[in-house]
Amino acid sequence: MGLGGFYFEHSPADLVPVGTGGADESRQPDSARRPLGEAHILHILFKNEARGIFGTVALVTALLLIFASIAILNVETVPEANIKTASDALWWAMATITTGGNGDKFPVTTGGRIIGVVLMTTGVGFFGTLTAYIASVFLSPGKTRNVSETELAKELKLLRERMEGVETKLHKIHAELPAPFGKPPEPQ
């Protein structure tokens, strides 16, 4: 799928630039397609679906904490407000998003309460996603490393060759030893 001077190889995460060769742009070899910086990061982030979702949720949660803290400071300006400093606002936002607020800091204005409702509602979803991610890590330990059988066979062959080399050297060393150290074992 093409888009201006860019080409989607499989998905928007694979966004790569293409030349200005007109109609032949989509026929460039794969080696000519190189990921852009941000698109490459997206590709890495979303290569593993669970890790991509977790990363997105973590980023959105951090942004939501920051913006809710700023918003509550701007809304809670009445004299009876008990959220007066940035640290109060961040403490309130963290306690609210985790739905574990202990009541020491709370909004007194309608705008502040609306911000609190949004923060509590999204907090339940975000921490539910965090719990699901942690569960997926424990339930699928075999999927953490995708190694093909061909790669394993190559590695096994390499290890066998190295072991044979070590055995050959060991046999030569035993052959050079004086008689009191015993007869060297026969090679297999």
Foldseek 3Di string as FASTA:
>chain_A
DDDVQWDDPDDQLQIFGFDPPPPCRVVDDPVVTDGDDVSPVLCVCPVPPLSVVLVVLVVVLVVLLVVQLVQLCVVQPDPVAPQPDSVSSSVVLVCLLCVNDPPPHAGDDPSRVVSSVVSNVVSVVSVVSVVVSVVVCVVCVVPPDDDDPVNVVVVVVVVVVVVVVVVVVVQVVQVPDDPVVDHRDDDD
